[in-house]
Protein backbone atom coordinates (compact mmCIF):
# COMPACT_ATOMS: atom_id res chain seq x y z
CA MET A 1 -0.20 0.12 0.28
CA THR A 2 1.42 3.29 -0.72
CA ARG A 3 1.28 6.56 1.44
CA PHE A 4 2.19 9.39 0.77
CA SER A 5 3.14 12.30 3.72
CA ILE A 6 1.01 15.63 4.53
CA GLY A 7 3.40 17.67 7.16
CA LYS A 8 3.35 15.11 9.37
CA TYR A 9 0.00 13.16 8.51
CA LYS A 10 1.27 10.14 6.65
CA VAL A 11 -1.72 9.34 4.24
CA SER A 12 -2.61 6.02 2.08
CA SER A 13 -3.73 5.71 -1.61
CA PRO A 14 -6.94 4.62 -0.49
CA ARG A 15 -8.06 6.57 1.49
CA ILE A 16 -6.32 9.53 -1.21
CA ILE A 17 -8.64 8.28 -3.64
CA ALA A 18 -11.98 8.42 -1.23
CA TYR A 19 -11.34 11.47 -0.42
CA PHE A 20 -11.13 12.84 -3.62
CA PHE A 21 -14.79 11.00 -4.92
CA LEU A 22 -16.00 12.23 -2.07
CA THR A 23 -15.20 15.91 -2.06
CA LEU A 24 -16.74 15.19 -6.15
CA LEU A 25 -19.76 13.64 -4.50
CA VAL A 26 -19.91 16.97 -2.18
CA LEU A 27 -19.53 19.86 -4.75
CA ILE A 28 -22.22 17.89 -6.96
CA ILE A 29 -24.96 17.33 -4.36
CA ASN A 30 -24.15 20.79 -2.99
CA TYR A 31 -23.86 22.28 -6.86
CA PRO A 32 -27.76 23.36 -7.08
CA PHE A 33 -27.08 25.96 -3.91
CA LEU A 34 -24.29 27.10 -5.75
CA TRP A 35 -25.81 27.57 -8.65
CA MET A 36 -29.22 29.22 -7.17
CA PHE A 37 -26.38 31.40 -4.38
CA PHE A 38 -24.30 32.06 -7.83
CA THR A 39 -26.68 33.36 -9.68
CA SER A 40 -28.58 35.77 -6.67
CA LEU A 41 -26.18 37.24 -7.44
CA LYS A 42 -25.54 37.72 -10.95
CA ALA A 43 -27.32 40.95 -13.54
CA ARG A 44 -30.59 39.85 -14.70
CA GLN A 45 -28.77 39.99 -18.72
CA GLU A 46 -26.32 37.98 -17.67
CA VAL A 47 -28.75 35.25 -16.17
CA PHE A 48 -29.30 34.00 -19.63
CA LEU A 49 -25.57 34.07 -21.76
CA ILE A 50 -24.57 31.01 -23.42
CA PRO A 51 -22.68 29.41 -23.09
CA SER A 52 -23.52 30.05 -19.06
CA ARG A 53 -21.15 31.07 -16.62
CA LEU A 54 -21.37 29.59 -12.19
CA LEU A 55 -19.88 32.75 -11.16
CA PRO A 56 -20.72 35.87 -12.00
CA GLU A 57 -18.60 39.16 -13.97
CA LYS A 58 -20.03 41.03 -10.46
CA PHE A 59 -21.00 40.87 -7.54
CA MET A 60 -24.45 42.31 -7.66
CA TRP A 61 -25.32 42.16 -3.36
CA SER A 62 -28.15 44.91 -4.34
CA ASN A 63 -30.45 42.38 -5.37
CA TYR A 64 -30.81 40.54 -2.51
CA VAL A 65 -31.68 44.47 -1.37
CA GLU A 66 -34.10 44.79 -4.30
CA ALA A 67 -35.83 41.27 -3.57
CA TRP A 68 -36.46 41.82 0.54
CA SER A 69 -37.94 45.22 -0.85
CA MET A 70 -40.45 44.16 -3.36
CA ALA A 71 -41.97 41.45 -0.97
CA PRO A 72 -43.05 41.59 3.83
CA TRP A 73 -40.50 39.52 3.86
CA ALA A 74 -40.03 40.80 7.90
CA THR A 75 -44.02 39.54 7.88
CA TYR A 76 -43.54 36.10 6.50
CA VAL A 77 -40.41 34.79 8.43
CA LYS A 78 -41.71 35.86 11.90
CA ASN A 79 -44.36 33.74 10.85
CA SER A 80 -42.79 31.06 9.24
CA PHE A 81 -40.61 31.22 12.22
CA ILE A 82 -43.85 30.78 14.79
CA VAL A 83 -44.91 28.15 12.90
CA ALA A 84 -41.49 25.91 12.92
CA VAL A 85 -40.25 27.08 16.49
CA ILE A 86 -43.63 26.25 18.37
CA PRO A 87 -44.36 22.58 17.10
CA ILE A 88 -40.67 22.14 17.80
CA PHE A 89 -41.31 22.58 21.59
CA GLY A 90 -44.84 20.43 21.42
CA GLN A 91 -43.22 17.70 19.56
CA ILE A 92 -40.01 17.09 21.73
CA PHE A 93 -42.86 16.89 25.40
CA PHE A 94 -46.02 14.90 23.92
CA GLY A 95 -43.21 12.75 21.88
CA SER A 96 -41.70 11.92 25.12
CA LEU A 97 -45.02 11.54 26.96
CA ALA A 98 -45.85 8.99 24.47
CA ALA A 99 -42.96 7.15 23.49
CA TYR A 100 -42.22 6.45 27.26
CA ALA A 101 -45.24 5.69 27.56
CA PHE A 102 -44.43 2.90 24.65
CA THR A 103 -41.39 1.55 25.97
CA ARG A 104 -43.40 -0.07 29.39
CA GLN A 105 -44.94 -3.05 27.71
CA PHE A 106 -48.56 -3.64 28.56
CA LYS A 107 -51.52 -5.59 27.25
CA GLY A 108 -51.35 -4.84 23.80
CA SER A 109 -48.81 -2.49 23.45
CA LYS A 110 -47.63 -3.60 20.40
CA ILE A 111 -50.83 -3.47 18.13
CA ILE A 112 -51.22 0.39 19.09
CA PHE A 113 -48.07 1.07 18.46
CA THR A 114 -47.98 -0.80 15.18
CA LEU A 115 -50.82 0.47 14.20
CA PHE A 116 -49.55 4.28 15.54
CA LEU A 117 -46.95 3.87 13.46
CA GLY A 118 -49.26 3.06 10.24
CA THR A 119 -50.86 6.92 10.02
CA MET A 120 -46.76 7.67 9.09
CA MET A 121 -48.07 5.24 6.00
CA ILE A 122 -50.87 8.50 5.13
CA PRO A 123 -50.19 11.20 3.08
CA GLY A 124 -50.61 14.40 4.48
CA GLN A 125 -53.03 14.95 0.82
CA ALA A 126 -55.36 12.63 2.23
CA THR A 127 -56.66 14.34 5.77
CA LEU A 128 -55.71 18.35 4.08
CA ILE A 129 -59.47 18.88 3.58
CA PRO A 130 -60.63 16.85 6.66
CA ASN A 131 -59.06 19.52 8.54
CA TYR A 132 -59.57 22.67 6.98
CA VAL A 133 -63.43 21.65 7.60
CA ILE A 134 -62.56 21.68 11.18
CA PHE A 135 -60.24 24.42 10.85
CA ARG A 136 -62.91 26.20 9.31
CA THR A 137 -65.99 25.61 11.43
CA LEU A 138 -63.32 26.40 14.72
CA LYS A 139 -62.92 30.14 12.70
CA TRP A 140 -58.61 29.17 12.54
CA ILE A 141 -58.35 29.57 8.84
CA ASN A 142 -56.34 31.97 8.78
CA THR A 143 -54.50 32.08 11.87
CA TYR A 144 -52.26 31.10 13.24
CA TYR A 145 -53.53 27.88 15.33
CA ALA A 146 -54.39 26.29 11.64
CA LEU A 147 -50.50 26.31 11.42
CA VAL A 148 -49.31 24.98 14.99
CA VAL A 149 -52.29 22.42 16.41
CA PRO A 150 -51.87 19.46 13.88
CA PHE A 151 -48.00 19.31 14.04
CA LEU A 152 -47.73 19.70 17.95
CA THR A 153 -47.39 16.12 17.75
CA GLY A 154 -46.77 13.48 15.07
CA ALA A 155 -46.22 9.83 15.10
CA PHE A 156 -42.33 9.94 13.74
CA ALA A 157 -41.37 12.25 16.76
CA ILE A 158 -43.03 9.14 18.88
CA PHE A 159 -41.46 6.27 17.21
CA LEU A 160 -37.21 8.02 16.80
CA LEU A 161 -37.29 9.22 20.56
CA ARG A 162 -39.07 5.87 21.91
CA GLN A 163 -36.34 3.16 19.80
CA PHE A 164 -33.85 6.29 21.31
CA PHE A 165 -35.79 5.58 24.98
CA LEU A 166 -34.96 1.53 24.84
CA SER A 167 -31.52 2.06 24.20
CA ILE A 168 -31.12 3.84 27.73
CA PRO A 169 -30.07 0.51 29.79
CA LYS A 170 -32.67 0.22 32.16
CA ASP A 171 -30.17 0.32 35.00
CA TYR A 172 -30.69 4.20 35.61
CA GLU A 173 -34.31 3.73 35.85
CA ASP A 174 -33.95 0.89 38.53
CA ALA A 175 -31.80 2.88 40.70
CA ALA A 176 -34.34 6.17 39.99
CA ILE A 177 -36.39 3.97 41.65
CA ILE A 178 -34.95 2.63 44.66
CA ASP A 179 -33.82 6.31 44.76
CA GLY A 180 -38.16 7.74 45.01
CA CYS A 181 -38.57 8.69 41.79
CA GLY A 182 -41.50 8.17 40.28
CA PRO A 183 -41.71 8.44 36.55
CA PHE A 184 -42.42 11.80 35.50
CA TYR A 185 -39.16 12.79 37.39
CA TYR A 186 -37.18 9.64 36.24
CA LEU A 187 -38.76 10.90 32.37
CA PHE A 188 -38.21 14.91 32.70
CA ARG A 189 -35.02 15.11 34.77
CA ILE A 190 -32.65 12.01 33.87
CA LEU A 191 -34.31 10.01 30.30
CA MET A 192 -34.80 13.43 28.47
CA PRO A 193 -31.13 14.96 29.28
CA LEU A 194 -29.53 11.17 28.54
CA SER A 195 -31.42 11.86 24.67
CA SER A 196 -30.57 15.10 23.87
CA ALA A 197 -29.17 13.52 21.34
CA ALA A 198 -32.87 12.68 19.90
CA LEU A 199 -34.68 15.68 21.18
CA VAL A 200 -31.76 17.92 18.90
CA THR A 201 -33.26 15.36 16.15
CA VAL A 202 -36.61 16.16 16.52
CA ALA A 203 -36.30 19.38 16.65
CA LEU A 204 -34.00 19.55 13.06
CA LEU A 205 -36.38 17.46 11.86
CA THR A 206 -39.65 19.53 13.28
CA PHE A 207 -38.49 23.34 11.82
CA ASN A 208 -37.21 21.47 8.43
CA ASP A 209 -40.26 20.49 7.44
CA ARG A 210 -42.26 22.92 8.76
CA TRP A 211 -39.91 26.20 7.51
CA ASN A 212 -40.37 24.03 4.61
CA ASP A 213 -44.08 23.05 4.05
CA TYR A 214 -46.02 24.68 1.14
CA LEU A 215 -49.07 23.26 0.35
CA TYR A 216 -50.40 22.93 3.56
CA SER A 217 -49.82 26.64 4.64
CA LEU A 218 -51.41 28.29 0.83
CA ILE A 219 -54.49 26.38 1.83
CA MET A 220 -54.77 26.87 5.08
CA VAL A 221 -53.66 30.44 5.02
CA THR A 222 -55.13 33.28 2.58
CA ARG A 223 -54.70 36.78 4.53
CA ASP A 224 -50.80 38.67 2.61
CA ASN A 225 -49.71 39.55 6.54
CA MET A 226 -50.45 35.22 7.91
CA ARG A 227 -48.08 33.91 4.91
CA THR A 228 -44.81 32.24 5.50
CA VAL A 229 -41.87 32.32 3.18
CA GLN A 230 -42.95 29.39 1.29
CA VAL A 231 -45.85 30.92 0.08
CA GLY A 232 -44.33 34.92 -0.08
CA MET A 233 -42.17 33.47 -2.30
CA ALA A 234 -44.67 32.27 -4.70
CA VAL A 235 -46.33 35.21 -4.74
CA PHE A 236 -42.69 37.14 -5.23
CA GLN A 237 -42.85 34.52 -8.34
CA GLY A 238 -46.59 34.64 -9.66
CA GLU A 239 -47.23 38.50 -8.86
CA GLY A 240 -44.08 40.22 -10.71
CA GLY A 241 -43.16 37.60 -13.54
CA THR A 242 -39.79 35.01 -13.01
CA VAL A 243 -36.71 37.28 -12.30
CA TRP A 244 -34.22 34.99 -12.05
CA HIS A 245 -32.15 36.70 -10.40
CA LEU A 246 -34.23 38.52 -7.80
CA LEU A 247 -35.96 34.56 -7.30
CA MET A 248 -32.22 33.71 -6.40
CA ALA A 249 -31.69 35.68 -3.85
CA ALA A 250 -34.53 35.57 -2.37
CA SER A 251 -34.36 31.89 -2.14
CA THR A 252 -31.36 32.12 -0.93
CA PHE A 253 -32.32 33.78 2.13
CA ILE A 254 -35.00 31.65 3.14
CA THR A 255 -32.99 28.50 2.59
CA ILE A 256 -30.30 30.81 5.36
CA PRO A 257 -31.87 29.36 8.36
CA VAL A 258 -32.21 25.98 8.35
CA ILE A 259 -28.67 25.82 7.22
CA ILE A 260 -27.90 27.54 10.05
CA LEU A 261 -29.65 25.36 12.50
CA PHE A 262 -28.05 22.07 11.26
CA LEU A 263 -24.40 23.30 11.22
CA PHE A 264 -24.82 24.27 15.04
CA VAL A 265 -26.64 20.90 16.07
CA GLN A 266 -25.28 18.00 12.82
CA ARG A 267 -23.06 16.78 15.41
CA ARG A 268 -26.24 15.37 17.86
CA PHE A 269 -28.31 15.50 14.86
CA ILE A 270 -25.68 12.70 13.84
CA ASP A 271 -25.98 10.93 16.63
CA GLY A 272 -29.80 10.86 17.22
CA VAL A 273 -30.30 9.58 13.78
CA MET A 274 -27.31 6.88 14.56
CA MET A 275 -28.51 5.26 17.78
CA SER A 276 -32.54 5.86 17.15
CA GLY A 277 -32.46 2.77 15.41
CA ILE A 278 -30.14 0.38 18.26
CA LYS A 279 -33.48 -0.92 19.42
CA GLY A 280 -36.52 -1.87 19.15
C-alpha cells in the first residue's frame, strides 16, 4: 500500500482516492445550491448568457436588497418562525410522554404502537380537506392555530424517541426508583437529558418540515399578513413574473436559517439518527 506524507500526516493512496470521490460527491450534491447563490449575485441579462457561467462577472449584492424590498419578507419570516418553532416544543413534550409510555410493556402495547406507526403511511394530502373543514368550523382559517396545532405531535417523533429511550440501560430507571424517583421525574430529569441527541434530531426535522411547508400553509392561509416564506415565495414569483436573479436571492435568504440551524446541531443530529435504531 502506497503512503504519501502531507506535513506530519501519512495518508494511504486508497484513502486519498476515497477523499477525492467524496469531495466530488459533495460538489455534485451542493451544485444546485451553489448555482442558486451565484445566480442571485448576477445581473439580470447575465443570467441568460450562453454559454452559461457559474460565477458572475460582478457580484451584485444589491439584488438581495431589491428582492427583500419587493415583498413583506419580514412578516413572512416572522410567521414561518412561529409555525416552525412552536411545534418543536410540542413534538418534544408530547412525543416524549407517548414514547415513554410505549417503552412500557402493557396489554396490547405492540398492537397499538403498530397501528400508531401506520398513521405515518397516510399522506398529508389525504387529511388536508378534512382539516380545512374542521378549522373553518372552528374559525381557525388565517390564524396561527391552524398552522401550529396539528403539528404539536407526530408519529415519527414518537417513534424516534421511543427507539432512543429503549437504547438507554434500564439500570438507570431501577436506580432512580430505589432513590424514590417517580415516572415523571425520571422522564424529565434523567431520561430526556440522556436523550439530548434524539431531541435535537426531532427539533431539527420538525423545524425543517414546518419551515419548508407549502401546500398546507397555502390552503389554510389567504391573507398576506399570515403567509409563510414558502407561500410568500410563490406569490413573489407569480405577481411580477419570474425575475430569476431576484428569485434566487429570495430563495437564498429563506434557505439560510435551515442551513445555520443544521450547522449548529449537525453532530447531535447525526448521533440521534445513528442511536435511534439500535434497539427496537
